[in-house]
Amino acid sequence: MLPIGFNFWTEWLDQEKVGFEGATKRITVNPGVTSLDIREDVWSAYVRWNDMQNRGYDRWGIVMERTGLDPIPGGQTGDLYFLVNGWRLLVDLSMVAVSGVLYSRDFNTAYYTVEGVAQFPATVSALVNTVTVPTNIVTGDLDAVPAAVWAEPGRGLTEPVTLETTQAGQLTAIHQANFNRRKHDDTADTITIFDLDGVTPLYVFDVDDALTDITPQ
């Protein structure tokens, strides 16, 4: 039985970017991995791993949960992922670029070093909607387009672009939501975004159980 299990685990490591260790509740990024997509490389791997009930992996209970990807006109909503029941993702963020949004329902972060040190990585936010964007088709004399654009009143090659105060504030808030520490409190049904110190709260949002309704307090 041991050779069979060993060979299977070796095949799993060859095919997946992460491995699951039920006894220690750790998801470990495999050697040589330089990019990690939470949906494609972690969630999908968990689904495949958990489906192997004949090998007993389902005895470890629920490892991850997901919300989002609901259909809307023109596309679908963003997706959020959660580690539950004390599971952690072990990853070297100096070597691996992470995309997607992953929270922990038990800790302040889902990300840890192999030594167990908490990390707060910059992630690609999935709080925006995914929609189909139409492509504009230019017809007519293409050579005349640049001249026509710069002939528009108020245009100038040397004039700086100035953001309105509200636009600058919105960009700052978007940056903070993407890159600052975030914490989901499933008891209070809130998501808190912290300042750069990781301690001072900046924004608090009320959410429903499925995180489909997010409202600023």
N, C-alpha and C. Protein backbone atom coordinates (compact mmCIF):
# COMPACT_ATOMS: atom_id res chain seq x y z
N MET A 1 0.82 -1.21 0.00
CA MET A 1 0.00 0.00 0.00
C MET A 1 0.86 1.27 0.00
N LEU A 2 1.98 1.23 0.69
CA LEU A 2 2.82 2.42 0.76
C LEU A 2 3.34 2.86 -0.61
N PRO A 3 3.85 1.94 -1.44
CA PRO A 3 4.31 2.39 -2.76
C PRO A 3 3.20 3.03 -3.57
N ILE A 4 1.97 2.48 -3.46
CA ILE A 4 0.86 3.04 -4.23
C ILE A 4 0.60 4.48 -3.79
N GLY A 5 0.53 4.67 -2.45
CA GLY A 5 0.29 6.02 -1.94
C GLY A 5 1.40 6.97 -2.33
N PHE A 6 2.64 6.53 -2.25
CA PHE A 6 3.77 7.39 -2.59
C PHE A 6 3.72 7.78 -4.06
N ASN A 7 3.48 6.80 -4.92
CA ASN A 7 3.42 7.09 -6.35
C ASN A 7 2.29 8.05 -6.67
N PHE A 8 1.13 7.85 -5.99
CA PHE A 8 0.02 8.76 -6.26
C PHE A 8 0.36 10.18 -5.84
N TRP A 9 0.97 10.33 -4.65
CA TRP A 9 1.30 11.67 -4.18
C TRP A 9 2.32 12.34 -5.08
N THR A 10 3.27 11.56 -5.60
CA THR A 10 4.23 12.12 -6.54
C THR A 10 3.53 12.62 -7.81
N GLU A 11 2.56 11.85 -8.31
CA GLU A 11 1.81 12.27 -9.48
C GLU A 11 1.01 13.54 -9.19
N TRP A 12 0.42 13.63 -7.97
CA TRP A 12 -0.33 14.83 -7.61
C TRP A 12 0.57 16.07 -7.64
N LEU A 13 1.77 15.97 -7.05
CA LEU A 13 2.68 17.10 -7.03
C LEU A 13 3.09 17.50 -8.44
N ASP A 14 3.20 16.55 -9.34
CA ASP A 14 3.58 16.85 -10.72
C ASP A 14 2.47 17.60 -11.45
N GLN A 15 1.21 17.36 -11.07
CA GLN A 15 0.07 17.90 -11.81
C GLN A 15 -0.49 19.18 -11.20
N GLU A 16 -0.30 19.40 -9.91
CA GLU A 16 -0.90 20.54 -9.22
C GLU A 16 0.17 21.50 -8.73
N LYS A 17 -0.25 22.75 -8.48
CA LYS A 17 0.67 23.74 -7.94
C LYS A 17 0.72 23.73 -6.42
N VAL A 18 -0.27 23.09 -5.78
CA VAL A 18 -0.30 23.05 -4.32
C VAL A 18 -0.56 21.63 -3.85
N GLY A 19 -0.18 21.36 -2.61
CA GLY A 19 -0.46 20.08 -1.96
C GLY A 19 -1.20 20.32 -0.66
N PHE A 20 -2.06 19.36 -0.25
CA PHE A 20 -2.87 19.49 0.95
C PHE A 20 -2.39 18.48 2.00
N GLU A 21 -2.15 18.98 3.21
CA GLU A 21 -1.70 18.14 4.32
C GLU A 21 -2.78 18.17 5.40
N GLY A 22 -3.64 17.13 5.40
CA GLY A 22 -4.79 17.13 6.29
C GLY A 22 -4.43 17.13 7.76
N ALA A 23 -3.39 16.42 8.15
CA ALA A 23 -3.04 16.29 9.56
C ALA A 23 -2.59 17.63 10.15
N THR A 24 -1.94 18.47 9.34
CA THR A 24 -1.44 19.77 9.82
C THR A 24 -2.29 20.94 9.34
N LYS A 25 -3.30 20.66 8.51
CA LYS A 25 -4.19 21.69 7.96
C LYS A 25 -3.39 22.77 7.23
N ARG A 26 -2.49 22.31 6.36
CA ARG A 26 -1.67 23.22 5.58
C ARG A 26 -1.83 22.95 4.08
N ILE A 27 -1.93 24.04 3.33
CA ILE A 27 -1.86 23.98 1.87
C ILE A 27 -0.50 24.54 1.50
N THR A 28 0.34 23.75 0.87
CA THR A 28 1.71 24.14 0.59
C THR A 28 1.92 24.31 -0.91
N VAL A 29 2.50 25.43 -1.29
CA VAL A 29 2.81 25.68 -2.70
C VAL A 29 4.02 24.84 -3.08
N ASN A 30 3.92 24.12 -4.18
CA ASN A 30 4.97 23.19 -4.58
C ASN A 30 6.21 23.91 -5.10
N PRO A 31 7.37 23.30 -4.99
CA PRO A 31 8.62 23.91 -5.46
C PRO A 31 8.55 24.24 -6.95
N GLY A 32 9.15 25.37 -7.32
CA GLY A 32 9.20 25.77 -8.73
C GLY A 32 8.03 26.61 -9.18
N VAL A 33 6.99 26.74 -8.37
CA VAL A 33 5.82 27.54 -8.73
C VAL A 33 6.15 29.02 -8.55
N THR A 34 5.85 29.83 -9.57
CA THR A 34 6.14 31.27 -9.50
C THR A 34 4.88 32.12 -9.59
N SER A 35 3.75 31.52 -9.93
CA SER A 35 2.48 32.26 -9.97
C SER A 35 1.38 31.35 -9.44
N LEU A 36 0.43 31.96 -8.73
CA LEU A 36 -0.63 31.18 -8.10
C LEU A 36 -1.95 31.93 -8.23
N ASP A 37 -2.88 31.34 -8.96
CA ASP A 37 -4.21 31.90 -9.10
C ASP A 37 -5.12 31.19 -8.10
N ILE A 38 -5.76 31.95 -7.21
CA ILE A 38 -6.55 31.34 -6.14
C ILE A 38 -7.67 30.47 -6.69
N ARG A 39 -8.34 30.92 -7.73
CA ARG A 39 -9.45 30.13 -8.30
C ARG A 39 -8.94 28.90 -9.03
N GLU A 40 -7.98 29.09 -9.93
CA GLU A 40 -7.55 28.00 -10.79
C GLU A 40 -6.61 27.01 -10.09
N ASP A 41 -5.70 27.54 -9.26
CA ASP A 41 -4.64 26.69 -8.73
C ASP A 41 -4.88 26.20 -7.31
N VAL A 42 -5.73 26.90 -6.55
CA VAL A 42 -5.98 26.49 -5.17
C VAL A 42 -7.39 25.90 -5.02
N TRP A 43 -8.41 26.67 -5.38
CA TRP A 43 -9.79 26.18 -5.25
C TRP A 43 -10.03 24.94 -6.10
N SER A 44 -9.66 24.99 -7.37
CA SER A 44 -9.89 23.85 -8.27
C SER A 44 -9.11 22.62 -7.80
N ALA A 45 -7.87 22.83 -7.30
CA ALA A 45 -7.09 21.71 -6.78
C ALA A 45 -7.75 21.11 -5.55
N TYR A 46 -8.32 21.98 -4.69
CA TYR A 46 -9.02 21.49 -3.51
C TYR A 46 -10.22 20.64 -3.89
N VAL A 47 -10.97 21.09 -4.89
CA VAL A 47 -12.15 20.32 -5.34
C VAL A 47 -11.72 18.94 -5.83
N ARG A 48 -10.65 18.89 -6.61
CA ARG A 48 -10.18 17.59 -7.11
C ARG A 48 -9.67 16.71 -5.97
N TRP A 49 -8.94 17.32 -5.03
CA TRP A 49 -8.39 16.58 -3.89
C TRP A 49 -9.50 16.03 -3.02
N ASN A 50 -10.50 16.85 -2.74
CA ASN A 50 -11.59 16.44 -1.85
C ASN A 50 -12.48 15.39 -2.50
N ASP A 51 -12.54 15.37 -3.83
CA ASP A 51 -13.37 14.39 -4.53
C ASP A 51 -12.79 12.98 -4.48
N MET A 52 -11.54 12.85 -4.09
CA MET A 52 -10.90 11.52 -4.05
C MET A 52 -11.27 10.81 -2.74
N GLN A 53 -12.58 10.55 -2.56
CA GLN A 53 -13.06 9.99 -1.32
C GLN A 53 -12.55 8.57 -1.08
N ASN A 54 -12.24 7.86 -2.16
CA ASN A 54 -11.74 6.50 -1.97
C ASN A 54 -10.37 6.49 -1.30
N ARG A 55 -9.70 7.64 -1.29
CA ARG A 55 -8.41 7.72 -0.61
C ARG A 55 -8.55 8.34 0.79
N GLY A 56 -9.79 8.68 1.17
CA GLY A 56 -10.04 9.15 2.52
C GLY A 56 -9.76 10.61 2.77
N TYR A 57 -9.50 11.42 1.72
CA TYR A 57 -9.17 12.81 1.93
C TYR A 57 -10.36 13.61 2.45
N ASP A 58 -11.59 13.13 2.19
CA ASP A 58 -12.76 13.86 2.65
C ASP A 58 -12.91 13.81 4.16
N ARG A 59 -12.15 12.98 4.86
CA ARG A 59 -12.26 12.88 6.31
C ARG A 59 -11.75 14.13 7.01
N TRP A 60 -11.01 14.99 6.28
CA TRP A 60 -10.49 16.20 6.89
C TRP A 60 -11.52 17.31 6.93
N GLY A 61 -12.71 17.07 6.41
CA GLY A 61 -13.77 18.07 6.46
C GLY A 61 -13.59 19.15 5.41
N ILE A 62 -14.30 20.26 5.61
CA ILE A 62 -14.28 21.36 4.66
C ILE A 62 -13.00 22.18 4.84
N VAL A 63 -12.33 22.44 3.74
CA VAL A 63 -11.08 23.21 3.76
C VAL A 63 -11.31 24.64 3.26
N MET A 64 -12.11 24.76 2.19
CA MET A 64 -12.34 26.06 1.56
C MET A 64 -13.82 26.27 1.27
N GLU A 65 -14.19 27.56 1.17
CA GLU A 65 -15.52 27.95 0.75
C GLU A 65 -15.38 29.06 -0.29
N ARG A 66 -16.42 29.20 -1.12
CA ARG A 66 -16.37 30.20 -2.18
C ARG A 66 -17.70 30.92 -2.27
N THR A 67 -17.66 32.20 -2.65
CA THR A 67 -18.87 32.95 -2.92
C THR A 67 -18.63 33.81 -4.16
N GLY A 68 -19.71 34.19 -4.84
CA GLY A 68 -19.60 35.02 -6.04
C GLY A 68 -19.79 34.24 -7.31
N LEU A 69 -19.32 34.82 -8.42
CA LEU A 69 -19.49 34.26 -9.77
C LEU A 69 -20.96 34.12 -10.13
N ASP A 70 -21.77 35.04 -9.62
CA ASP A 70 -23.19 35.04 -9.97
C ASP A 70 -23.40 35.74 -11.30
N PRO A 71 -24.27 35.21 -12.15
CA PRO A 71 -24.49 35.85 -13.45
C PRO A 71 -25.18 37.20 -13.32
N ILE A 72 -24.70 38.17 -14.07
CA ILE A 72 -25.31 39.48 -14.18
C ILE A 72 -25.30 39.88 -15.65
N PRO A 73 -26.08 40.87 -16.04
CA PRO A 73 -26.08 41.29 -17.44
C PRO A 73 -24.68 41.63 -17.93
N GLY A 74 -24.22 40.97 -18.95
CA GLY A 74 -22.91 41.24 -19.53
C GLY A 74 -21.77 40.46 -18.92
N GLY A 75 -22.02 39.61 -17.93
CA GLY A 75 -20.92 38.87 -17.33
C GLY A 75 -21.31 38.22 -16.02
N GLN A 76 -20.45 38.33 -15.01
CA GLN A 76 -20.71 37.72 -13.71
C GLN A 76 -19.99 38.51 -12.62
N THR A 77 -20.42 38.32 -11.37
CA THR A 77 -19.80 39.03 -10.26
C THR A 77 -18.43 38.43 -9.95
N GLY A 78 -17.66 39.14 -9.15
CA GLY A 78 -16.36 38.65 -8.74
C GLY A 78 -16.50 37.49 -7.77
N ASP A 79 -15.38 36.83 -7.48
CA ASP A 79 -15.39 35.67 -6.60
C ASP A 79 -14.45 35.88 -5.42
N LEU A 80 -14.86 35.41 -4.25
CA LEU A 80 -14.08 35.46 -3.02
C LEU A 80 -13.92 34.05 -2.47
N TYR A 81 -12.77 33.79 -1.86
CA TYR A 81 -12.49 32.45 -1.33
C TYR A 81 -12.08 32.56 0.13
N PHE A 82 -12.39 31.50 0.90
CA PHE A 82 -12.13 31.49 2.33
C PHE A 82 -11.52 30.15 2.73
N LEU A 83 -10.46 30.20 3.53
CA LEU A 83 -9.98 29.00 4.20
C LEU A 83 -10.74 28.87 5.52
N VAL A 84 -11.16 27.68 5.87
CA VAL A 84 -11.97 27.46 7.07
C VAL A 84 -11.36 26.33 7.90
N ASN A 85 -11.88 26.18 9.11
CA ASN A 85 -11.50 25.08 10.00
C ASN A 85 -10.00 25.03 10.30
N GLY A 86 -9.38 26.23 10.37
CA GLY A 86 -7.98 26.30 10.79
C GLY A 86 -6.95 26.04 9.72
N TRP A 87 -7.36 25.97 8.46
CA TRP A 87 -6.40 25.73 7.38
C TRP A 87 -5.64 27.01 7.04
N ARG A 88 -4.39 26.85 6.58
CA ARG A 88 -3.53 27.96 6.18
C ARG A 88 -2.89 27.66 4.82
N LEU A 89 -2.56 28.72 4.10
CA LEU A 89 -1.82 28.59 2.84
C LEU A 89 -0.38 29.01 3.09
N LEU A 90 0.56 28.08 2.90
CA LEU A 90 1.99 28.35 3.08
C LEU A 90 2.60 28.68 1.73
N VAL A 91 3.17 29.89 1.62
CA VAL A 91 3.69 30.34 0.34
C VAL A 91 4.83 31.32 0.57
N ASP A 92 5.84 31.27 -0.29
CA ASP A 92 6.95 32.22 -0.27
C ASP A 92 6.59 33.37 -1.22
N LEU A 93 6.12 34.49 -0.67
CA LEU A 93 5.65 35.60 -1.50
C LEU A 93 6.78 36.31 -2.22
N SER A 94 8.02 36.05 -1.84
CA SER A 94 9.14 36.63 -2.58
C SER A 94 9.41 35.86 -3.87
N MET A 95 8.82 34.67 -4.00
CA MET A 95 9.02 33.84 -5.17
C MET A 95 7.74 33.60 -5.97
N VAL A 96 6.57 33.80 -5.33
CA VAL A 96 5.29 33.45 -5.95
C VAL A 96 4.40 34.68 -6.03
N ALA A 97 3.91 35.00 -7.23
CA ALA A 97 2.95 36.08 -7.42
C ALA A 97 1.54 35.50 -7.28
N VAL A 98 0.77 36.05 -6.35
CA VAL A 98 -0.58 35.54 -6.06
C VAL A 98 -1.62 36.45 -6.67
N SER A 99 -2.61 35.88 -7.35
CA SER A 99 -3.75 36.64 -7.87
C SER A 99 -5.03 36.02 -7.37
N GLY A 100 -6.01 36.88 -7.07
CA GLY A 100 -7.27 36.41 -6.50
C GLY A 100 -7.40 36.87 -5.06
N VAL A 101 -8.57 36.66 -4.48
CA VAL A 101 -8.85 37.11 -3.12
C VAL A 101 -9.11 35.90 -2.24
N LEU A 102 -8.28 35.75 -1.22
CA LEU A 102 -8.41 34.62 -0.28
C LEU A 102 -8.37 35.15 1.15
N TYR A 103 -9.42 34.82 1.92
CA TYR A 103 -9.50 35.19 3.33
C TYR A 103 -9.41 33.93 4.19
N SER A 104 -9.26 34.15 5.49
CA SER A 104 -9.38 33.08 6.47
C SER A 104 -10.56 33.40 7.38
N ARG A 105 -11.38 32.41 7.67
CA ARG A 105 -12.49 32.62 8.61
C ARG A 105 -12.01 32.46 10.06
N ASP A 106 -10.78 32.03 10.26
CA ASP A 106 -10.28 31.77 11.61
C ASP A 106 -9.16 32.71 12.04
N PHE A 107 -8.41 33.26 11.08
CA PHE A 107 -7.25 34.09 11.40
C PHE A 107 -7.33 35.42 10.65
N ASN A 108 -6.41 36.34 11.00
CA ASN A 108 -6.40 37.65 10.34
C ASN A 108 -5.95 37.56 8.89
N THR A 109 -5.30 36.48 8.51
CA THR A 109 -4.84 36.28 7.13
C THR A 109 -4.86 34.79 6.82
N ALA A 110 -4.95 34.49 5.54
CA ALA A 110 -4.89 33.09 5.10
C ALA A 110 -3.48 32.67 4.72
N TYR A 111 -2.55 33.65 4.63
CA TYR A 111 -1.21 33.41 4.09
C TYR A 111 -0.17 33.34 5.21
N TYR A 112 0.70 32.33 5.11
CA TYR A 112 1.75 32.16 6.12
C TYR A 112 3.03 31.67 5.43
N THR A 113 4.15 31.97 6.07
CA THR A 113 5.42 31.40 5.61
C THR A 113 5.50 29.96 6.11
N VAL A 114 6.49 29.22 5.63
CA VAL A 114 6.65 27.84 6.07
C VAL A 114 7.02 27.79 7.56
N GLU A 115 7.51 28.93 8.10
CA GLU A 115 7.82 28.99 9.53
C GLU A 115 6.61 29.37 10.37
N GLY A 116 5.47 29.63 9.70
CA GLY A 116 4.25 29.97 10.42
C GLY A 116 4.05 31.45 10.69
N VAL A 117 4.81 32.32 10.00
CA VAL A 117 4.67 33.76 10.17
C VAL A 117 3.56 34.29 9.26
N ALA A 118 2.65 35.07 9.84
CA ALA A 118 1.52 35.61 9.07
C ALA A 118 2.01 36.59 8.01
N GLN A 119 1.35 36.57 6.84
CA GLN A 119 1.68 37.47 5.74
C GLN A 119 0.40 38.13 5.23
N PHE A 120 0.56 39.32 4.65
CA PHE A 120 -0.56 40.05 4.09
C PHE A 120 -0.19 40.48 2.67
N PRO A 121 -0.40 39.60 1.70
CA PRO A 121 0.07 39.89 0.33
C PRO A 121 -0.83 40.85 -0.40
N ALA A 122 -0.26 41.50 -1.42
CA ALA A 122 -1.05 42.28 -2.36
C ALA A 122 -1.71 41.31 -3.32
N THR A 123 -3.04 41.39 -3.42
CA THR A 123 -3.77 40.46 -4.28
C THR A 123 -4.56 41.22 -5.32
N VAL A 124 -4.94 40.52 -6.36
CA VAL A 124 -5.80 41.10 -7.39
C VAL A 124 -7.23 41.01 -6.90
N SER A 125 -7.88 42.16 -6.71
CA SER A 125 -9.21 42.16 -6.13
C SER A 125 -10.23 41.54 -7.06
N ALA A 126 -11.16 40.78 -6.50
CA ALA A 126 -12.26 40.20 -7.27
C ALA A 126 -13.58 40.85 -6.90
N LEU A 127 -13.53 42.02 -6.21
CA LEU A 127 -14.75 42.68 -5.81
C LEU A 127 -15.41 43.42 -6.97
N VAL A 128 -14.71 43.51 -8.10
CA VAL A 128 -15.29 44.14 -9.27
C VAL A 128 -16.01 43.08 -10.10
N ASN A 129 -16.90 43.53 -10.94
CA ASN A 129 -17.65 42.61 -11.78
C ASN A 129 -16.89 42.31 -13.06
N THR A 130 -17.04 41.09 -13.54
CA THR A 130 -16.46 40.69 -14.82
C THR A 130 -17.53 40.84 -15.89
N VAL A 131 -17.30 41.71 -16.85
CA VAL A 131 -18.30 41.97 -17.88
C VAL A 131 -17.65 41.92 -19.24
N THR A 132 -18.47 41.75 -20.26
CA THR A 132 -18.00 41.77 -21.63
C THR A 132 -17.94 43.21 -22.12
N VAL A 133 -16.77 43.63 -22.58
CA VAL A 133 -16.58 45.01 -23.03
C VAL A 133 -16.60 45.03 -24.55
N PRO A 134 -17.49 45.82 -25.17
CA PRO A 134 -17.52 45.88 -26.64
C PRO A 134 -16.29 46.55 -27.19
N THR A 135 -15.88 46.16 -28.38
CA THR A 135 -14.71 46.73 -29.05
C THR A 135 -15.15 47.79 -30.04
N ASN A 136 -14.59 48.99 -29.93
CA ASN A 136 -14.90 50.06 -30.87
C ASN A 136 -14.15 49.85 -32.17
N ILE A 137 -14.82 50.05 -33.29
CA ILE A 137 -14.21 49.90 -34.62
C ILE A 137 -14.15 51.27 -35.28
N VAL A 138 -12.94 51.69 -35.65
CA VAL A 138 -12.75 52.98 -36.30
C VAL A 138 -12.83 52.80 -37.80
N THR A 139 -13.63 53.63 -38.44
CA THR A 139 -13.77 53.59 -39.90
C THR A 139 -13.34 54.93 -40.48
N GLY A 140 -13.14 54.97 -41.79
CA GLY A 140 -12.76 56.21 -42.43
C GLY A 140 -11.25 56.28 -42.63
N ASP A 141 -10.75 57.52 -42.70
CA ASP A 141 -9.33 57.77 -42.93
C ASP A 141 -8.57 57.64 -41.61
N LEU A 142 -7.89 56.49 -41.40
CA LEU A 142 -7.18 56.26 -40.14
C LEU A 142 -6.03 57.23 -39.95
N ASP A 143 -5.42 57.70 -41.05
CA ASP A 143 -4.30 58.62 -40.92
C ASP A 143 -4.73 59.97 -40.35
N ALA A 144 -6.02 60.28 -40.48
CA ALA A 144 -6.50 61.58 -40.01
C ALA A 144 -6.94 61.54 -38.55
N VAL A 145 -7.01 60.36 -37.96
CA VAL A 145 -7.51 60.24 -36.59
C VAL A 145 -6.64 60.97 -35.58
N PRO A 146 -5.29 60.76 -35.54
CA PRO A 146 -4.48 61.46 -34.53
C PRO A 146 -4.62 62.98 -34.60
N ALA A 147 -4.59 63.54 -35.79
CA ALA A 147 -4.71 64.98 -35.93
C ALA A 147 -6.05 65.47 -35.41
N ALA A 148 -7.10 64.69 -35.67
CA ALA A 148 -8.42 65.10 -35.22
C ALA A 148 -8.53 65.06 -33.70
N VAL A 149 -7.89 64.07 -33.11
CA VAL A 149 -7.93 63.96 -31.64
C VAL A 149 -7.25 65.15 -31.00
N TRP A 150 -6.05 65.49 -31.44
CA TRP A 150 -5.30 66.57 -30.82
C TRP A 150 -5.81 67.95 -31.22
N ALA A 151 -6.65 68.01 -32.25
CA ALA A 151 -7.26 69.28 -32.63
C ALA A 151 -8.46 69.61 -31.76
N GLU A 152 -8.90 68.65 -30.96
CA GLU A 152 -10.04 68.88 -30.08
C GLU A 152 -9.70 70.00 -29.09
N PRO A 153 -10.63 70.97 -28.86
CA PRO A 153 -10.35 72.08 -27.94
C PRO A 153 -9.93 71.58 -26.56
N GLY A 154 -8.89 72.22 -26.01
CA GLY A 154 -8.44 71.84 -24.68
C GLY A 154 -7.39 70.76 -24.66
N ARG A 155 -7.13 70.16 -25.83
CA ARG A 155 -6.12 69.10 -25.89
C ARG A 155 -4.74 69.71 -26.10
N GLY A 156 -3.72 69.10 -25.53
CA GLY A 156 -2.35 69.53 -25.73
C GLY A 156 -1.39 68.46 -25.29
N LEU A 157 -0.33 68.28 -26.03
CA LEU A 157 0.62 67.22 -25.71
C LEU A 157 1.35 67.49 -24.41
N THR A 158 1.52 68.76 -24.04
CA THR A 158 2.30 69.09 -22.85
C THR A 158 1.43 69.40 -21.64
N GLU A 159 0.10 69.35 -21.79
CA GLU A 159 -0.77 69.68 -20.67
C GLU A 159 -0.96 68.45 -19.78
N PRO A 160 -0.66 68.57 -18.48
CA PRO A 160 -0.83 67.42 -17.58
C PRO A 160 -2.30 67.09 -17.37
N VAL A 161 -2.56 65.85 -17.09
CA VAL A 161 -3.91 65.41 -16.77
C VAL A 161 -4.12 65.54 -15.27
N THR A 162 -5.13 66.29 -14.88
CA THR A 162 -5.41 66.53 -13.46
C THR A 162 -6.68 65.80 -13.06
N LEU A 163 -6.58 64.99 -12.01
CA LEU A 163 -7.73 64.27 -11.51
C LEU A 163 -8.54 65.17 -10.59
N GLU A 164 -9.87 65.06 -10.70
CA GLU A 164 -10.73 65.73 -9.74
C GLU A 164 -10.50 65.11 -8.36
N THR A 165 -10.84 65.88 -7.32
CA THR A 165 -10.64 65.40 -5.95
C THR A 165 -11.38 64.09 -5.71
N THR A 166 -12.62 64.01 -6.22
CA THR A 166 -13.40 62.79 -6.00
C THR A 166 -12.78 61.61 -6.73
N GLN A 167 -12.22 61.84 -7.93
CA GLN A 167 -11.58 60.76 -8.67
C GLN A 167 -10.33 60.27 -7.95
N ALA A 168 -9.53 61.19 -7.43
CA ALA A 168 -8.32 60.80 -6.71
C ALA A 168 -8.67 60.01 -5.46
N GLY A 169 -9.73 60.44 -4.76
CA GLY A 169 -10.15 59.71 -3.58
C GLY A 169 -10.63 58.31 -3.90
N GLN A 170 -11.33 58.17 -5.02
CA GLN A 170 -11.80 56.86 -5.43
C GLN A 170 -10.64 55.94 -5.77
N LEU A 171 -9.63 56.48 -6.47
CA LEU A 171 -8.46 55.67 -6.81
C LEU A 171 -7.72 55.24 -5.56
N THR A 172 -7.60 56.14 -4.59
CA THR A 172 -6.94 55.78 -3.33
C THR A 172 -7.69 54.67 -2.62
N ALA A 173 -9.03 54.78 -2.57
CA ALA A 173 -9.84 53.76 -1.91
C ALA A 173 -9.72 52.41 -2.61
N ILE A 174 -9.68 52.42 -3.95
CA ILE A 174 -9.54 51.18 -4.71
C ILE A 174 -8.18 50.54 -4.40
N HIS A 175 -7.13 51.36 -4.36
CA HIS A 175 -5.80 50.84 -4.05
C HIS A 175 -5.77 50.22 -2.66
N GLN A 176 -6.38 50.90 -1.70
CA GLN A 176 -6.39 50.38 -0.33
C GLN A 176 -7.17 49.07 -0.25
N ALA A 177 -8.29 48.97 -0.98
CA ALA A 177 -9.08 47.74 -0.96
C ALA A 177 -8.31 46.58 -1.58
N ASN A 178 -7.44 46.88 -2.56
CA ASN A 178 -6.69 45.83 -3.23
C ASN A 178 -5.49 45.35 -2.44
N PHE A 179 -4.77 46.31 -1.80
CA PHE A 179 -3.45 45.99 -1.29
C PHE A 179 -3.32 46.02 0.23
N ASN A 180 -4.22 46.68 0.93
CA ASN A 180 -4.11 46.73 2.38
C ASN A 180 -4.66 45.46 3.02
N ARG A 181 -4.33 45.29 4.29
CA ARG A 181 -4.85 44.14 5.05
C ARG A 181 -6.36 44.23 5.15
N ARG A 182 -7.05 43.09 4.98
CA ARG A 182 -8.50 43.01 5.09
C ARG A 182 -8.88 41.89 6.04
N LYS A 183 -9.98 42.06 6.74
CA LYS A 183 -10.44 41.03 7.66
C LYS A 183 -11.94 40.86 7.53
N HIS A 184 -12.36 39.61 7.35
CA HIS A 184 -13.79 39.30 7.28
C HIS A 184 -14.23 38.70 8.61
N ASP A 185 -15.20 39.34 9.25
CA ASP A 185 -15.76 38.86 10.51
C ASP A 185 -17.12 38.24 10.21
N ASP A 186 -17.16 36.89 10.17
CA ASP A 186 -18.41 36.23 9.80
C ASP A 186 -19.41 36.23 10.95
N THR A 187 -18.97 36.60 12.15
CA THR A 187 -19.92 36.73 13.27
C THR A 187 -20.66 38.05 13.20
N ALA A 188 -19.92 39.12 12.97
CA ALA A 188 -20.53 40.45 12.86
C ALA A 188 -20.99 40.76 11.44
N ASP A 189 -20.64 39.87 10.48
CA ASP A 189 -20.96 40.09 9.07
C ASP A 189 -20.41 41.42 8.58
N THR A 190 -19.10 41.60 8.75
CA THR A 190 -18.43 42.81 8.29
C THR A 190 -17.12 42.46 7.62
N ILE A 191 -16.67 43.35 6.73
CA ILE A 191 -15.32 43.32 6.17
C ILE A 191 -14.65 44.63 6.53
N THR A 192 -13.46 44.55 7.15
CA THR A 192 -12.71 45.73 7.55
C THR A 192 -11.44 45.84 6.72
N ILE A 193 -11.19 47.03 6.18
CA ILE A 193 -9.95 47.33 5.46
C ILE A 193 -9.10 48.23 6.35
N PHE A 194 -7.85 47.83 6.59
CA PHE A 194 -6.99 48.53 7.53
C PHE A 194 -6.00 49.45 6.80
N ASP A 195 -5.44 50.38 7.57
CA ASP A 195 -4.40 51.27 7.06
C ASP A 195 -3.12 50.46 6.85
N LEU A 196 -2.05 51.14 6.36
CA LEU A 196 -0.81 50.44 6.05
C LEU A 196 -0.16 49.79 7.25
N ASP A 197 -0.50 50.27 8.46
CA ASP A 197 0.08 49.65 9.65
C ASP A 197 -0.56 48.31 9.98
N GLY A 198 -1.64 47.95 9.26
CA GLY A 198 -2.31 46.68 9.48
C GLY A 198 -3.16 46.65 10.74
N VAL A 199 -3.28 47.79 11.45
CA VAL A 199 -4.00 47.84 12.72
C VAL A 199 -5.15 48.84 12.69
N THR A 200 -4.91 50.01 12.10
CA THR A 200 -5.90 51.08 12.11
C THR A 200 -6.98 50.84 11.05
N PRO A 201 -8.26 50.71 11.46
CA PRO A 201 -9.32 50.48 10.47
C PRO A 201 -9.55 51.72 9.61
N LEU A 202 -9.70 51.53 8.31
CA LEU A 202 -10.02 52.62 7.39
C LEU A 202 -11.48 52.58 6.97
N TYR A 203 -11.95 51.39 6.58
CA TYR A 203 -13.32 51.24 6.11
C TYR A 203 -13.91 49.98 6.74
N VAL A 204 -15.20 50.05 7.05
CA VAL A 204 -15.91 48.88 7.54
C VAL A 204 -17.18 48.73 6.71
N PHE A 205 -17.41 47.53 6.17
CA PHE A 205 -18.56 47.25 5.33
C PHE A 205 -19.43 46.19 5.98
N ASP A 206 -20.74 46.42 5.95
CA ASP A 206 -21.69 45.39 6.35
C ASP A 206 -21.93 44.47 5.17
N VAL A 207 -21.94 43.17 5.41
CA VAL A 207 -22.16 42.19 4.34
C VAL A 207 -23.18 41.17 4.79
N ASP A 208 -23.80 40.50 3.80
CA ASP A 208 -24.68 39.39 4.14
C ASP A 208 -23.86 38.10 4.18
N ASP A 209 -24.51 37.00 4.52
CA ASP A 209 -23.79 35.74 4.68
C ASP A 209 -23.08 35.30 3.41
N ALA A 210 -23.66 35.60 2.24
CA ALA A 210 -23.10 35.16 0.96
C ALA A 210 -22.16 36.20 0.36
N LEU A 211 -21.97 37.34 1.06
CA LEU A 211 -21.12 38.44 0.57
C LEU A 211 -21.60 38.97 -0.78
N THR A 212 -22.92 38.87 -1.02
CA THR A 212 -23.47 39.41 -2.26
C THR A 212 -23.98 40.84 -2.08
N ASP A 213 -24.14 41.27 -0.82
CA ASP A 213 -24.59 42.63 -0.53
C ASP A 213 -23.55 43.26 0.39
N ILE A 214 -22.80 44.23 -0.12
CA ILE A 214 -21.73 44.88 0.63
C ILE A 214 -22.07 46.36 0.75
N THR A 215 -22.25 46.87 1.99
CA THR A 215 -22.70 48.23 2.24
C THR A 215 -21.75 48.92 3.20
N PRO A 216 -21.23 50.11 2.85
CA PRO A 216 -20.36 50.85 3.79
C PRO A 216 -21.13 51.25 5.04
N GLN A 217 -20.49 51.19 6.18
CA GLN A 217 -21.11 51.67 7.42
C GLN A 217 -21.04 53.19 7.47
